[in-house]
Structures are given as C-alpha cells and as structure tokens.
PDB file of N, CA and C in Angstrom:
ATOM      1  N   MET A   1      94.573  69.011  92.062  1.00  0.00           N
ATOM      2  CA  MET A   1      94.171  69.773  93.240  1.00  0.00           C
ATOM      3  C   MET A   1      94.041  71.250  92.874  1.00  0.00           C
ATOM      4  N   GLU A   2      92.926  71.822  93.233  1.00  0.00           N
ATOM      5  CA  GLU A   2      92.668  73.226  92.949  1.00  0.00           C
ATOM      6  C   GLU A   2      93.442  74.118  93.925  1.00  0.00           C
ATOM      7  N   GLN A   3      94.126  75.102  93.392  1.00  0.00           N
ATOM      8  CA  GLN A   3      94.879  76.048  94.214  1.00  0.00           C
ATOM      9  C   GLN A   3      93.942  77.154  94.707  1.00  0.00           C
ATOM     10  N   THR A   4      94.107  77.553  95.962  1.00  0.00           N
ATOM     11  CA  THR A   4      93.248  78.570  96.565  1.00  0.00           C
ATOM     12  C   THR A   4      93.987  79.897  96.650  1.00  0.00           C
ATOM     13  N   ILE A   5      93.308  80.951  96.214  1.00  0.00           N
ATOM     14  CA  ILE A   5      93.843  82.307  96.322  1.00  0.00           C
ATOM     15  C   ILE A   5      92.879  83.112  97.182  1.00  0.00           C
ATOM     16  N   PHE A   6      93.396  83.676  98.270  1.00  0.00           N
ATOM     17  CA  PHE A   6      92.599  84.478  99.197  1.00  0.00           C
ATOM     18  C   PHE A   6      92.655  85.922  98.726  1.00  0.00           C
ATOM     19  N   ILE A   7      91.494  86.519  98.493  1.00  0.00           N
ATOM     20  CA  ILE A   7      91.414  87.876  97.945  1.00  0.00           C
ATOM     21  C   ILE A   7      90.835  88.817  98.996  1.00  0.00           C
ATOM     22  N   VAL A   8      91.610  89.827  99.360  1.00  0.00           N
ATOM     23  CA  VAL A   8      91.150  90.838 100.312  1.00  0.00           C
ATOM     24  C   VAL A   8      90.924  92.112  99.502  1.00  0.00           C
ATOM     25  N   GLU A   9      89.656  92.373  99.181  1.00  0.00           N
ATOM     26  CA  GLU A   9      89.278  93.497  98.318  1.00  0.00           C
ATOM     27  C   GLU A   9      87.914  94.007  98.734  1.00  0.00           C
ATOM     28  N   ASP A  10      87.794  95.331  98.943  1.00  0.00           N
ATOM     29  CA  ASP A  10      86.523  95.905  99.386  1.00  0.00           C
ATOM     30  C   ASP A  10      85.607  96.307  98.234  1.00  0.00           C
ATOM     31  N   ASP A  11      86.113  96.415  97.036  1.00  0.00           N
ATOM     32  CA  ASP A  11      85.303  96.789  95.876  1.00  0.00           C
ATOM     33  C   ASP A  11      84.697  95.513  95.282  1.00  0.00           C
ATOM     34  N   GLU A  12      83.377  95.375  95.379  1.00  0.00           N
ATOM     35  CA  GLU A  12      82.693  94.160  94.939  1.00  0.00           C
ATOM     36  C   GLU A  12      82.897  93.879  93.449  1.00  0.00           C
ATOM     37  N   ALA A  13      82.958  94.912  92.626  1.00  0.00           N
ATOM     38  CA  ALA A  13      83.155  94.707  91.186  1.00  0.00           C
ATOM     39  C   ALA A  13      84.531  94.116  90.906  1.00  0.00           C
ATOM     40  N   ILE A  14      85.551  94.624  91.567  1.00  0.00           N
ATOM     41  CA  ILE A  14      86.909  94.093  91.394  1.00  0.00           C
ATOM     42  C   ILE A  14      86.985  92.669  91.928  1.00  0.00           C
ATOM     43  N   LEU A  15      86.404  92.433  93.098  1.00  0.00           N
ATOM     44  CA  LEU A  15      86.405  91.103  93.705  1.00  0.00           C
ATOM     45  C   LEU A  15      85.745  90.082  92.785  1.00  0.00           C
ATOM     46  N   SER A  16      84.586  90.417  92.277  1.00  0.00           N
ATOM     47  CA  SER A  16      83.855  89.523  91.384  1.00  0.00           C
ATOM     48  C   SER A  16      84.650  89.236  90.109  1.00  0.00           C
ATOM     49  N   SER A  17      85.261  90.263  89.556  1.00  0.00           N
ATOM     50  CA  SER A  17      86.066  90.111  88.348  1.00  0.00           C
ATOM     51  C   SER A  17      87.270  89.202  88.597  1.00  0.00           C
ATOM     52  N   LEU A  18      87.957  89.429  89.695  1.00  0.00           N
ATOM     53  CA  LEU A  18      89.109  88.589  90.035  1.00  0.00           C
ATOM     54  C   LEU A  18      88.710  87.127  90.207  1.00  0.00           C
ATOM     55  N   LYS A  19      87.636  86.888  90.952  1.00  0.00           N
ATOM     56  CA  LYS A  19      87.179  85.511  91.161  1.00  0.00           C
ATOM     57  C   LYS A  19      86.815  84.847  89.830  1.00  0.00           C
ATOM     58  N   GLY A  20      86.145  85.574  88.964  1.00  0.00           N
ATOM     59  CA  GLY A  20      85.771  85.028  87.657  1.00  0.00           C
ATOM     60  C   GLY A  20      86.984  84.673  86.814  1.00  0.00           C
ATOM     61  N   GLN A  21      87.959  85.562  86.797  1.00  0.00           N
ATOM     62  CA  GLN A  21      89.178  85.294  86.038  1.00  0.00           C
ATOM     63  C   GLN A  21      89.935  84.102  86.603  1.00  0.00           C
ATOM     64  N   LEU A  22      90.008  84.019  87.919  1.00  0.00           N
ATOM     65  CA  LEU A  22      90.715  82.903  88.552  1.00  0.00           C
ATOM     66  C   LEU A  22      90.046  81.570  88.251  1.00  0.00           C
ATOM     67  N   GLU A  23      88.717  81.549  88.266  1.00  0.00           N
ATOM     68  CA  GLU A  23      87.978  80.318  87.978  1.00  0.00           C
ATOM     69  C   GLU A  23      88.249  79.827  86.560  1.00  0.00           C
ATOM     70  N   GLN A  24      88.439  80.751  85.631  1.00  0.00           N
ATOM     71  CA  GLN A  24      88.743  80.359  84.248  1.00  0.00           C
ATOM     72  C   GLN A  24      90.073  79.611  84.163  1.00  0.00           C
ATOM     73  N   TRP A  25      90.950  79.851  85.105  1.00  0.00           N
ATOM     74  CA  TRP A  25      92.263  79.198  85.127  1.00  0.00           C
ATOM     75  C   TRP A  25      92.315  78.087  86.182  1.00  0.00           C
ATOM     76  N   SER A  26      91.149  77.665  86.644  1.00  0.00           N
ATOM     77  CA  SER A  26      91.015  76.553  87.612  1.00  0.00           C
ATOM     78  C   SER A  26      91.588  76.855  88.991  1.00  0.00           C
ATOM     79  N   PHE A  27      91.558  78.121  89.376  1.00  0.00           N
ATOM     80  CA  PHE A  27      91.909  78.506  90.735  1.00  0.00           C
ATOM     81  C   PHE A  27      90.622  78.755  91.513  1.00  0.00           C
ATOM     82  N   GLN A  28      90.691  78.601  92.820  1.00  0.00           N
ATOM     83  CA  GLN A  28      89.538  78.906  93.661  1.00  0.00           C
ATOM     84  C   GLN A  28      89.823  80.223  94.377  1.00  0.00           C
ATOM     85  N   GLY A  29      89.005  81.225  94.112  1.00  0.00           N
ATOM     86  CA  GLY A  29      89.142  82.514  94.781  1.00  0.00           C
ATOM     87  C   GLY A  29      88.251  82.563  96.015  1.00  0.00           C
ATOM     88  N   ARG A  30      88.838  82.871  97.151  1.00  0.00           N
ATOM     89  CA  ARG A  30      88.071  83.016  98.391  1.00  0.00           C
ATOM     90  C   ARG A  30      88.315  84.407  98.958  1.00  0.00           C
ATOM     91  N   SER A  31      87.320  84.892  99.682  1.00  0.00           N
ATOM     92  CA  SER A  31      87.447  86.224 100.283  1.00  0.00           C
ATOM     93  C   SER A  31      86.737  86.231 101.633  1.00  0.00           C
ATOM     94  N   PRO A  32      87.129  87.151 102.507  1.00  0.00           N
ATOM     95  CA  PRO A  32      86.469  87.216 103.810  1.00  0.00           C
ATOM     96  C   PRO A  32      85.030  87.716 103.655  1.00  0.00           C
ATOM     97  N   GLU A  33      84.142  87.179 104.470  1.00  0.00           N
ATOM     98  CA  GLU A  33      82.752  87.655 104.450  1.00  0.00           C
ATOM     99  C   GLU A  33      82.656  89.016 105.119  1.00  0.00           C
ATOM    100  N   SER A  34      83.563  89.277 106.043  1.00  0.00           N
ATOM    101  CA  SER A  34      83.555  90.528 106.788  1.00  0.00           C
ATOM    102  C   SER A  34      85.000  90.950 107.045  1.00  0.00           C
ATOM    103  N   PHE A  35      85.247  92.234 107.008  1.00  0.00           N
ATOM    104  CA  PHE A  35      86.598  92.726 107.288  1.00  0.00           C
ATOM    105  C   PHE A  35      86.896  92.732 108.780  1.00  0.00           C
ATOM    106  N   GLN A  36      85.909  92.441 109.590  1.00  0.00           N
ATOM    107  CA  GLN A  36      86.111  92.365 111.031  1.00  0.00           C
ATOM    108  C   GLN A  36      86.844  91.079 111.420  1.00  0.00           C
ATOM    109  N   ASP A  37      86.811  90.093 110.531  1.00  0.00           N
ATOM    110  CA  ASP A  37      87.338  88.773 110.859  1.00  0.00           C
ATOM    111  C   ASP A  37      88.271  88.234 109.773  1.00  0.00           C
ATOM    112  N   ILE A  38      89.120  89.095 109.234  1.00  0.00           N
ATOM    113  CA  ILE A  38      90.002  88.711 108.132  1.00  0.00           C
ATOM    114  C   ILE A  38      90.953  87.588 108.528  1.00  0.00           C
ATOM    115  N   ILE A  39      91.555  87.692 109.690  1.00  0.00           N
ATOM    116  CA  ILE A  39      92.545  86.699 110.099  1.00  0.00           C
ATOM    117  C   ILE A  39      91.920  85.303 110.218  1.00  0.00           C
ATOM    118  N   THR A  40      90.735  85.215 110.810  1.00  0.00           N
ATOM    119  CA  THR A  40      90.063  83.920 110.941  1.00  0.00           C
ATOM    120  C   THR A  40      89.712  83.355 109.562  1.00  0.00           C
ATOM    121  N   SER A  41      89.183  84.194 108.687  1.00  0.00           N
ATOM    122  CA  SER A  41      88.843  83.750 107.331  1.00  0.00           C
ATOM    123  C   SER A  41      90.082  83.281 106.580  1.00  0.00           C
ATOM    124  N   PHE A  42      91.175  84.022 106.744  1.00  0.00           N
ATOM    125  CA  PHE A  42      92.435  83.656 106.105  1.00  0.00           C
ATOM    126  C   PHE A  42      92.911  82.286 106.591  1.00  0.00           C
ATOM    127  N   THR A  43      92.889  82.098 107.894  1.00  0.00           N
ATOM    128  CA  THR A  43      93.351  80.841 108.484  1.00  0.00           C
ATOM    129  C   THR A  43      92.503  79.657 108.014  1.00  0.00           C
ATOM    130  N   LYS A  44      91.189  79.837 107.978  1.00  0.00           N
ATOM    131  CA  LYS A  44      90.280  78.762 107.558  1.00  0.00           C
ATOM    132  C   LYS A  44      90.456  78.406 106.077  1.00  0.00           C
ATOM    133  N   SER A  45      90.762  79.397 105.243  1.00  0.00           N
ATOM    134  CA  SER A  45      90.864  79.128 103.810  1.00  0.00           C
ATOM    135  C   SER A  45      92.183  78.459 103.433  1.00  0.00           C
ATOM    136  N   ASP A  46      93.206  78.581 104.275  1.00  0.00           N
ATOM    137  CA  ASP A  46      94.513  77.955 104.029  1.00  0.00           C
ATOM    138  C   ASP A  46      94.970  78.182 102.584  1.00  0.00           C
ATOM    139  N   PRO A  47      95.123  79.451 102.176  1.00  0.00           N
ATOM    140  CA  PRO A  47      95.412  79.758 100.774  1.00  0.00           C
ATOM    141  C   PRO A  47      96.854  79.465 100.368  1.00  0.00           C
ATOM    142  N   HIS A  48      97.038  79.334  99.063  1.00  0.00           N
ATOM    143  CA  HIS A  48      98.358  79.173  98.475  1.00  0.00           C
ATOM    144  C   HIS A  48      98.967  80.542  98.152  1.00  0.00           C
ATOM    145  N   LEU A  49      98.100  81.543  97.979  1.00  0.00           N
ATOM    146  CA  LEU A  49      98.521  82.887  97.595  1.00  0.00           C
ATOM    147  C   LEU A  49      97.482  83.884  98.104  1.00  0.00           C
ATOM    148  N   VAL A  50      97.905  85.119  98.353  1.00  0.00           N
ATOM    149  CA  VAL A  50      96.987  86.169  98.804  1.00  0.00           C
ATOM    150  C   VAL A  50      97.094  87.365  97.868  1.00  0.00           C
ATOM    151  N   PHE A  51      95.937  87.859  97.400  1.00  0.00           N
ATOM    152  CA  PHE A  51      95.854  89.143  96.705  1.00  0.00           C
ATOM    153  C   PHE A  51      95.243  90.104  97.705  1.00  0.00           C
ATOM    154  N   MET A  52      95.945  91.199  98.002  1.00  0.00           N
ATOM    155  CA  MET A  52      95.443  92.113  99.024  1.00  0.00           C
ATOM    156  C   MET A  52      95.418  93.551  98.534  1.00  0.00           C
ATOM    157  N   ASP A  53      94.261  94.153  98.641  1.00  0.00           N
ATOM    158  CA  ASP A  53      94.092  95.577  98.374  1.00  0.00           C
ATOM    159  C   ASP A  53      94.907  96.322  99.429  1.00  0.00           C
ATOM    160  N   ILE A  54      95.722  97.288  99.010  1.00  0.00           N
ATOM    161  CA  ILE A  54      96.558  97.985  99.989  1.00  0.00           C
ATOM    162  C   ILE A  54      95.893  99.234 100.562  1.00  0.00           C
ATOM    163  N   GLN A  55      94.669  99.542 100.114  1.00  0.00           N
ATOM    164  CA  GLN A  55      93.947 100.698 100.643  1.00  0.00           C
ATOM    165  C   GLN A  55      92.535 100.313 101.055  1.00  0.00           C
ATOM    166  N   LEU A  56      92.439  99.543 102.113  1.00  0.00           N
ATOM    167  CA  LEU A  56      91.134  99.137 102.638  1.00  0.00           C
ATOM    168  C   LEU A  56      90.623 100.194 103.613  1.00  0.00           C
ATOM    169  N   PRO A  57      89.306 100.259 103.826  1.00  0.00           N
ATOM    170  CA  PRO A  57      88.746 101.259 104.736  1.00  0.00           C
ATOM    171  C   PRO A  57      89.267 101.139 106.177  1.00  0.00           C
ATOM    172  N   ALA A  58      89.399  99.914 106.676  1.00  0.00           N
ATOM    173  CA  ALA A  58      89.784  99.735 108.076  1.00  0.00           C
ATOM    174  C   ALA A  58      91.236  99.301 108.241  1.00  0.00           C
ATOM    175  N   TYR A  59      91.827  98.727 107.213  1.00  0.00           N
ATOM    176  CA  TYR A  59      93.183  98.197 107.291  1.00  0.00           C
ATOM    177  C   TYR A  59      93.990  98.688 106.103  1.00  0.00           C
ATOM    178  N   ASP A  60      95.284  98.602 106.211  1.00  0.00           N
ATOM    179  CA  ASP A  60      96.149  98.818 105.053  1.00  0.00           C
ATOM    180  C   ASP A  60      97.336  97.889 105.199  1.00  0.00           C
ATOM    181  N   VAL A  61      98.312  98.008 104.321  1.00  0.00           N
ATOM    182  CA  VAL A  61      99.430  97.064 104.354  1.00  0.00           C
ATOM    183  C   VAL A  61     100.197  97.082 105.662  1.00  0.00           C
ATOM    184  N   ARG A  62     100.144  98.157 106.389  1.00  0.00           N
ATOM    185  CA  ARG A  62     100.838  98.209 107.679  1.00  0.00           C
ATOM    186  C   ARG A  62     100.192  97.272 108.681  1.00  0.00           C
ATOM    187  N   PHE A  63      98.899  96.976 108.522  1.00  0.00           N
ATOM    188  CA  PHE A  63      98.180  96.058 109.409  1.00  0.00           C
ATOM    189  C   PHE A  63      98.809  94.666 109.381  1.00  0.00           C
ATOM    190  N   THR A  64      99.245  94.205 108.209  1.00  0.00           N
ATOM    191  CA  THR A  64      99.741  92.852 108.067  1.00  0.00           C
ATOM    192  C   THR A  64     101.102  92.650 108.715  1.00  0.00           C
ATOM    193  N   GLY A  65     101.762  93.711 109.116  1.00  0.00           N
ATOM    194  CA  GLY A  65     103.079  93.588 109.722  1.00  0.00           C
ATOM    195  C   GLY A  65     103.092  92.740 110.967  1.00  0.00           C
ATOM    196  N   GLY A  66     101.966  92.638 111.680  1.00  0.00           N
ATOM    197  CA  GLY A  66     101.914  91.861 112.917  1.00  0.00           C
ATOM    198  C   GLY A  66     101.507  90.414 112.702  1.00  0.00           C
ATOM    199  N   VAL A  67     101.042  90.060 111.521  1.00  0.00           N
ATOM    200  CA  VAL A  67     100.591  88.709 111.264  1.00  0.00           C
ATOM    201  C   VAL A  67     101.782  87.756 111.241  1.00  0.00           C
ATOM    202  N   GLY A  68     101.682  86.704 112.011  1.00  0.00           N
ATOM    203  CA  GLY A  68     102.736  85.696 112.031  1.00  0.00           C
ATOM    204  C   GLY A  68     103.902  86.026 112.930  1.00  0.00           C
ATOM    205  N   ASN A  69     103.865  87.183 113.577  1.00  0.00           N
ATOM    206  CA  ASN A  69     104.970  87.553 114.476  1.00  0.00           C
ATOM    207  C   ASN A  69     104.713  87.025 115.859  1.00  0.00           C
TER     208      ASN A  69
END
C-alpha cells in the first residue's frame, strides 16, 4: 500500500521537487489545488503525514491550531 503525504507548499519548485523525491521512495505526494480549500483537500486525501510550509501567504502555523478542535 502506497503511503500518502500531503504537502502544503506555495513554491511550485519546492513542491515539484518534494513530490519527485517522494515518488522515488514509493510515496504518493498530494497537495491542495487551491489554498482557499486546504481543509477539504486535506480531508479528501486522508494522508499518513503532512509536510507544511510555515510561511504561506494566507496562512501560517497558527492557522492549524483550530483544526480538529
């Protein structure tokens, strides 16, 4: 079974690099299509792990404090 890693990253070069590296190790990298709908994308992907950029344009690590509460 392929493990899914959800990647929240606004820099396309970093995102592409991460996904490529993960695929080499048989992981599936998924990312939101839009930052407007991160929570829905996260829920649909049902990831095993999350890589999250802590300096996003619209969100930062403080945003995640309400998730799951």
